[in-house]
Structure formats: structure tokens, C-alpha cells
Amino acid sequence: MEHDALRTDRLYAVPLKLDHLPFLQALDADPDVMKYIGQVRSKETVLARVKQALIYQKLNPGLGIWSVFTQKNDLWVGWICLKHLDKSDHIELGYRLSKKSWNKGYATEMSKRIIKYGFEVKQLIEIVGVTDLAHVRSQNVLMKCGFKFMDFRYFYGKNMNFFKLIKEDWERNMVK
């Protein structure tokens, strides 16, 4: 399974496709979803970003963005990613969920699955995560997955909380 579907009991994630564009455009147009990320994005901006993401996936097999769906009825939940952090050598875990998917444990559930993929399939030695300084819910997701707060760092044009999960710690704690 290099870049195939990632599954949990309730969810599955598939590599990003251009077919997912309408979901992504609606997600990035929601001010509540974008609160800690930045301004809402136009459909044209989202299209350009999706095209860049598809190129990234071709250049970096097994990394990129996955669209997440429910197992029960194939409803689109949001996306999750393992990709280079803001032009650095770090590989970051990232996620963005539709508002209707909040408070259901989906971010934690799929994050744990993609972490397992990153360490076991991609043989990463560490995975990092960044959050807006005020985004407590996202910070909690990372900590539930075993990440440790390291410090504050500058990424994506602003100071961010920087978290790290080392493979040895993950294996020792078997956070799955």
C-alpha cells in the first residue's frame, strides 16, 4: 500500500483527486473552517492549490493530501496530509475538516492512521505538526496522537506552535 486508501473503523482516505475539488472549494470558503488558517479562498485559488498538490504527489510518492470519507455512507469529511512543512525538510501531519465533521473524533482517528502509515510504510523517523497559537482543539488532536510540544516556530508566514512525534516514542507507546 504505497498511496492507496487508508482505513479506520469509521473512515477511509484516498489520494486527492481533481474530482474532490467541489468539496475543497466549499471547505476553504467557510470562514469558521478558515478561522485559524487565513482568509477564505476563492474557487480559482483552491483550484490552483489542488493542481499544485497533485504535482507534489507525483513528485513525492506516498506523500501528499488524502480526501477523507465516512465508511458508512461515503460522506466527504475533509482532508488529511503528510507533506513537507512549508518548504522545509520536516514532514508534517495536517488536516482540515468540514464543520459538520467537527467534534466526532475524526481528526484524531484519521491522524493516528496516517501516522502509522508514515512510520511503517514510509519509514519516517519523525512527523511534525504546527498549529495556530490559539487553535487549542488542533493542539489537542496532536497531543492525543502522541505529539509533544517543542517550541514556537515561524511557518506559513506566522509564528506557530511546533509539535513533534518521534518514531521511537510512537513505537514505545504504540499510539494507534
C-alpha atoms as a PDB file:
ATOM      1  CA  MET A   1       0.000   0.000   0.000  1.00  0.00           C
ATOM      2  CA  GLU A   2       2.110   2.895  -1.201  1.00  0.00           C
ATOM      3  CA  HIS A   3      -0.582   5.524  -1.588  1.00  0.00           C
ATOM      4  CA  ASP A   4      -3.796   3.529  -1.569  1.00  0.00           C
ATOM      5  CA  ALA A   5      -6.787   4.008   0.692  1.00  0.00           C
ATOM      6  CA  LEU A   6      -6.087   4.365   4.394  1.00  0.00           C
ATOM      7  CA  ARG A   7      -8.866   2.889   6.538  1.00  0.00           C
ATOM      8  CA  THR A   8     -10.108   3.101  10.121  1.00  0.00           C
ATOM      9  CA  ASP A   9     -13.269   1.659  11.643  1.00  0.00           C
ATOM     10  CA  ARG A  10     -15.318   4.692  10.590  1.00  0.00           C
ATOM     11  CA  LEU A  11     -13.313   6.418   7.868  1.00  0.00           C
ATOM     12  CA  TYR A  12     -11.248   5.906   4.771  1.00  0.00           C
ATOM     13  CA  ALA A  13      -8.913   8.274   2.970  1.00  0.00           C
ATOM     14  CA  VAL A  14      -7.931   8.214  -0.690  1.00  0.00           C
ATOM     15  CA  PRO A  15      -5.297  10.249  -2.518  1.00  0.00           C
ATOM     16  CA  LEU A  16      -6.517  13.677  -3.539  1.00  0.00           C
ATOM     17  CA  LYS A  17      -8.129  13.832  -6.998  1.00  0.00           C
ATOM     18  CA  LEU A  18      -9.380  16.705  -9.100  1.00  0.00           C
ATOM     19  CA  ASP A  19     -12.865  15.185  -8.617  1.00  0.00           C
ATOM     20  CA  HIS A  20     -12.664  16.303  -4.976  1.00  0.00           C
ATOM     21  CA  LEU A  21     -12.406  19.974  -5.985  1.00  0.00           C
ATOM     22  CA  PRO A  22     -16.007  20.976  -5.131  1.00  0.00           C
ATOM     23  CA  PHE A  23     -15.579  19.647  -1.579  1.00  0.00           C
ATOM     24  CA  LEU A  24     -12.306  21.520  -1.152  1.00  0.00           C
ATOM     25  CA  GLN A  25     -13.729  24.735  -2.565  1.00  0.00           C
ATOM     26  CA  ALA A  26     -16.641  24.616  -0.113  1.00  0.00           C
ATOM     27  CA  LEU A  27     -14.261  23.837   2.770  1.00  0.00           C
ATOM     28  CA  ASP A  28     -11.934  26.751   2.053  1.00  0.00           C
ATOM     29  CA  ALA A  29     -14.881  29.135   1.541  1.00  0.00           C
ATOM     30  CA  ASP A  30     -16.140  28.543   5.102  1.00  0.00           C
ATOM     31  CA  PRO A  31     -14.928  31.334   7.443  1.00  0.00           C
ATOM     32  CA  ASP A  32     -15.288  29.087  10.520  1.00  0.00           C
ATOM     33  CA  VAL A  33     -13.081  26.399   8.963  1.00  0.00           C
ATOM     34  CA  MET A  34     -10.511  29.002   7.895  1.00  0.00           C
ATOM     35  CA  LYS A  35     -10.505  30.894  11.218  1.00  0.00           C
ATOM     36  CA  TYR A  36      -7.005  29.773  12.257  1.00  0.00           C
ATOM     37  CA  ILE A  37      -5.643  29.287   8.733  1.00  0.00           C
ATOM     38  CA  GLY A  38      -6.253  32.580   6.977  1.00  0.00           C
ATOM     39  CA  GLN A  39      -8.745  34.220   4.696  1.00  0.00           C
ATOM     40  CA  VAL A  40     -11.374  32.229   2.860  1.00  0.00           C
ATOM     41  CA  ARG A  41     -10.187  31.218  -0.587  1.00  0.00           C
ATOM     42  CA  SER A  42     -11.780  31.737  -3.970  1.00  0.00           C
ATOM     43  CA  LYS A  43     -12.665  28.767  -6.165  1.00  0.00           C
ATOM     44  CA  GLU A  44      -9.830  29.762  -8.518  1.00  0.00           C
ATOM     45  CA  THR A  45      -7.295  29.835  -5.682  1.00  0.00           C
ATOM     46  CA  VAL A  46      -8.404  26.425  -4.443  1.00  0.00           C
ATOM     47  CA  LEU A  47      -8.180  25.004  -7.974  1.00  0.00           C
ATOM     48  CA  ALA A  48      -4.602  26.300  -8.304  1.00  0.00           C
ATOM     49  CA  ARG A  49      -3.667  24.820  -4.903  1.00  0.00           C
ATOM     50  CA  VAL A  50      -5.199  21.447  -5.807  1.00  0.00           C
ATOM     51  CA  LYS A  51      -3.224  21.367  -9.061  1.00  0.00           C
ATOM     52  CA  GLN A  52      -0.032  22.111  -7.076  1.00  0.00           C
ATOM     53  CA  ALA A  53      -0.922  19.345  -4.608  1.00  0.00           C
ATOM     54  CA  LEU A  54      -1.405  16.834  -7.422  1.00  0.00           C
ATOM     55  CA  ILE A  55       2.012  17.717  -8.849  1.00  0.00           C
ATOM     56  CA  TYR A  56       3.528  17.376  -5.364  1.00  0.00           C
ATOM     57  CA  GLN A  57       2.017  13.883  -5.035  1.00  0.00           C
ATOM     58  CA  LYS A  58       3.571  12.804  -8.338  1.00  0.00           C
ATOM     59  CA  LEU A  59       6.977  14.155  -7.308  1.00  0.00           C
ATOM     60  CA  ASN A  60       6.762  12.711  -3.769  1.00  0.00           C
ATOM     61  CA  PRO A  61       5.185   9.239  -3.985  1.00  0.00           C
ATOM     62  CA  GLY A  62       3.325   8.251  -0.845  1.00  0.00           C
ATOM     63  CA  LEU A  63       3.134  11.809   0.456  1.00  0.00           C
ATOM     64  CA  GLY A  64       0.533  14.464  -0.132  1.00  0.00           C
ATOM     65  CA  ILE A  65      -3.129  15.000   0.630  1.00  0.00           C
ATOM     66  CA  TRP A  66      -5.851  12.389   1.079  1.00  0.00           C
ATOM     67  CA  SER A  67      -9.565  13.125   0.986  1.00  0.00           C
ATOM     68  CA  VAL A  68     -11.362  11.549   3.939  1.00  0.00           C
ATOM     69  CA  PHE A  69     -14.795   9.914   3.695  1.00  0.00           C
ATOM     70  CA  THR A  70     -17.076   8.030   6.073  1.00  0.00           C
ATOM     71  CA  GLN A  71     -17.104   4.248   5.675  1.00  0.00           C
ATOM     72  CA  LYS A  72     -20.841   4.037   6.361  1.00  0.00           C
ATOM     73  CA  ASN A  73     -22.165   6.319   3.609  1.00  0.00           C
ATOM     74  CA  ASP A  74     -19.187   7.780   1.706  1.00  0.00           C
ATOM     75  CA  LEU A  75     -19.752  11.306   3.006  1.00  0.00           C
ATOM     76  CA  TRP A  76     -16.791  13.627   2.498  1.00  0.00           C
ATOM     77  CA  VAL A  77     -15.305  14.626   5.867  1.00  0.00           C
ATOM     78  CA  GLY A  78     -12.293  16.733   4.885  1.00  0.00           C
ATOM     79  CA  TRP A  79      -8.648  16.039   4.156  1.00  0.00           C
ATOM     80  CA  ILE A  80      -5.509  14.844   5.877  1.00  0.00           C
ATOM     81  CA  CYS A  81      -1.916  15.104   4.726  1.00  0.00           C
ATOM     82  CA  LEU A  82       1.646  14.026   5.177  1.00  0.00           C
ATOM     83  CA  LYS A  83       3.778  16.510   3.273  1.00  0.00           C
ATOM     84  CA  HIS A  84       6.795  18.759   3.544  1.00  0.00           C
ATOM     85  CA  LEU A  85       6.199  21.557   6.005  1.00  0.00           C
ATOM     86  CA  ASP A  86       6.350  24.959   4.323  1.00  0.00           C
ATOM     87  CA  LYS A  87       9.428  24.302   2.144  1.00  0.00           C
ATOM     88  CA  SER A  88      11.347  22.610   4.977  1.00  0.00           C
ATOM     89  CA  ASP A  89      12.721  19.078   5.286  1.00  0.00           C
ATOM     90  CA  HIS A  90      10.158  18.268   8.012  1.00  0.00           C
ATOM     91  CA  ILE A  91       7.208  16.042   7.102  1.00  0.00           C
ATOM     92  CA  GLU A  92       4.051  17.419   8.661  1.00  0.00           C
ATOM     93  CA  LEU A  93       0.740  15.915   9.594  1.00  0.00           C
ATOM     94  CA  GLY A  94      -2.070  18.269   8.633  1.00  0.00           C
ATOM     95  CA  TYR A  95      -5.848  18.075   8.463  1.00  0.00           C
ATOM     96  CA  ARG A  96      -8.862  20.187   7.709  1.00  0.00           C
ATOM     97  CA  LEU A  97     -12.426  19.013   8.324  1.00  0.00           C
ATOM     98  CA  SER A  98     -15.798  20.302   7.246  1.00  0.00           C
ATOM     99  CA  LYS A  99     -17.760  21.917  10.060  1.00  0.00           C
ATOM    100  CA  LYS A 100     -20.337  19.095  10.053  1.00  0.00           C
ATOM    101  CA  SER A 101     -17.480  16.686  10.824  1.00  0.00           C
ATOM    102  CA  TRP A 102     -16.202  18.523  13.900  1.00  0.00           C
ATOM    103  CA  ASN A 103     -16.428  17.047  17.407  1.00  0.00           C
ATOM    104  CA  LYS A 104     -16.740  13.437  16.226  1.00  0.00           C
ATOM    105  CA  GLY A 105     -13.135  12.361  16.795  1.00  0.00           C
ATOM    106  CA  TYR A 106     -12.485  12.114  13.051  1.00  0.00           C
ATOM    107  CA  ALA A 107      -9.322  14.250  13.078  1.00  0.00           C
ATOM    108  CA  THR A 108      -7.725  12.142  15.818  1.00  0.00           C
ATOM    109  CA  GLU A 109      -8.881   8.848  14.294  1.00  0.00           C
ATOM    110  CA  MET A 110      -7.510   9.530  10.828  1.00  0.00           C
ATOM    111  CA  SER A 111      -4.380  11.229  12.186  1.00  0.00           C
ATOM    112  CA  LYS A 112      -3.480   8.089  14.115  1.00  0.00           C
ATOM    113  CA  ARG A 113      -3.963   6.043  10.943  1.00  0.00           C
ATOM    114  CA  ILE A 114      -1.802   8.267   8.764  1.00  0.00           C
ATOM    115  CA  ILE A 115       0.897   8.388  11.465  1.00  0.00           C
ATOM    116  CA  LYS A 116       1.019   4.573  11.376  1.00  0.00           C
ATOM    117  CA  TYR A 117       1.308   4.752   7.578  1.00  0.00           C
ATOM    118  CA  GLY A 118       4.083   7.355   7.837  1.00  0.00           C
ATOM    119  CA  PHE A 119       6.165   5.342  10.264  1.00  0.00           C
ATOM    120  CA  GLU A 120       5.506   1.821   8.994  1.00  0.00           C
ATOM    121  CA  VAL A 121       5.163   2.294   5.232  1.00  0.00           C
ATOM    122  CA  LYS A 122       7.097   5.487   4.515  1.00  0.00           C
ATOM    123  CA  GLN A 123       9.689   4.682   7.215  1.00  0.00           C
ATOM    124  CA  LEU A 124       9.730   8.260   8.511  1.00  0.00           C
ATOM    125  CA  ILE A 125      11.765   8.833  11.675  1.00  0.00           C
ATOM    126  CA  GLU A 126       9.655  11.752  12.840  1.00  0.00           C
ATOM    127  CA  ILE A 127       6.490  13.628  11.932  1.00  0.00           C
ATOM    128  CA  VAL A 128       5.793  17.198  12.938  1.00  0.00           C
ATOM    129  CA  GLY A 129       2.677  19.296  13.271  1.00  0.00           C
ATOM    130  CA  VAL A 130       2.062  23.010  13.541  1.00  0.00           C
ATOM    131  CA  THR A 131      -0.944  24.900  14.810  1.00  0.00           C
ATOM    132  CA  ASP A 132      -2.015  28.475  15.163  1.00  0.00           C
ATOM    133  CA  LEU A 133      -1.092  29.709  18.636  1.00  0.00           C
ATOM    134  CA  ALA A 134      -4.768  29.945  19.621  1.00  0.00           C
ATOM    135  CA  HIS A 135      -6.059  26.749  17.981  1.00  0.00           C
ATOM    136  CA  VAL A 136      -6.445  24.633  21.120  1.00  0.00           C
ATOM    137  CA  ARG A 137      -8.599  21.906  19.501  1.00  0.00           C
ATOM    138  CA  SER A 138      -5.988  21.199  16.848  1.00  0.00           C
ATOM    139  CA  GLN A 139      -3.270  21.163  19.505  1.00  0.00           C
ATOM    140  CA  ASN A 140      -5.325  18.622  21.451  1.00  0.00           C
ATOM    141  CA  VAL A 141      -5.596  16.365  18.387  1.00  0.00           C
ATOM    142  CA  LEU A 142      -1.816  16.327  18.026  1.00  0.00           C
ATOM    143  CA  MET A 143      -1.272  15.594  21.722  1.00  0.00           C
ATOM    144  CA  LYS A 144      -3.857  12.760  21.679  1.00  0.00           C
ATOM    145  CA  CYS A 145      -1.782  11.251  18.870  1.00  0.00           C
ATOM    146  CA  GLY A 146       1.400  11.366  20.957  1.00  0.00           C
ATOM    147  CA  PHE A 147       2.969  14.594  19.654  1.00  0.00           C
ATOM    148  CA  LYS A 148       4.962  16.713  22.081  1.00  0.00           C
ATOM    149  CA  PHE A 149       5.037  20.489  22.036  1.00  0.00           C
ATOM    150  CA  MET A 150       8.581  21.610  21.224  1.00  0.00           C
ATOM    151  CA  ASP A 151       8.529  25.374  20.837  1.00  0.00           C
ATOM    152  CA  PHE A 152       7.251  28.223  18.704  1.00  0.00           C
ATOM    153  CA  ARG A 153       8.470  28.442  15.117  1.00  0.00           C
ATOM    154  CA  TYR A 154       7.771  30.563  12.076  1.00  0.00           C
ATOM    155  CA  PHE A 155       5.933  28.742   9.274  1.00  0.00           C
ATOM    156  CA  TYR A 156       3.309  29.751   6.750  1.00  0.00           C
ATOM    157  CA  GLY A 157       4.012  33.425   7.402  1.00  0.00           C
ATOM    158  CA  LYS A 158       3.377  33.454  11.145  1.00  0.00           C
ATOM    159  CA  ASN A 159       4.528  32.134  14.500  1.00  0.00           C
ATOM    160  CA  MET A 160       3.130  28.673  15.144  1.00  0.00           C
ATOM    161  CA  ASN A 161       3.135  26.032  17.854  1.00  0.00           C
ATOM    162  CA  PHE A 162       5.580  23.332  16.727  1.00  0.00           C
ATOM    163  CA  PHE A 163       4.927  19.713  17.749  1.00  0.00           C
ATOM    164  CA  LYS A 164       6.936  16.579  17.046  1.00  0.00           C
ATOM    165  CA  LEU A 165       6.360  12.834  17.212  1.00  0.00           C
ATOM    166  CA  ILE A 166       9.453  10.642  17.007  1.00  0.00           C
ATOM    167  CA  LYS A 167       9.052   7.108  15.653  1.00  0.00           C
ATOM    168  CA  GLU A 168      10.823   5.554  18.666  1.00  0.00           C
ATOM    169  CA  ASP A 169       8.373   7.253  21.047  1.00  0.00           C
ATOM    170  CA  TRP A 170       5.427   6.172  18.901  1.00  0.00           C
ATOM    171  CA  GLU A 171       6.653   2.569  18.833  1.00  0.00           C
ATOM    172  CA  ARG A 172       7.229   2.606  22.584  1.00  0.00           C
ATOM    173  CA  ASN A 173       3.758   3.969  23.301  1.00  0.00           C
ATOM    174  CA  MET A 174       2.093   2.314  20.278  1.00  0.00           C
ATOM    175  CA  VAL A 175      -0.208   5.261  19.753  1.00  0.00           C
ATOM    176  CA  LYS A 176      -2.522   3.823  17.115  1.00  0.00           C
END
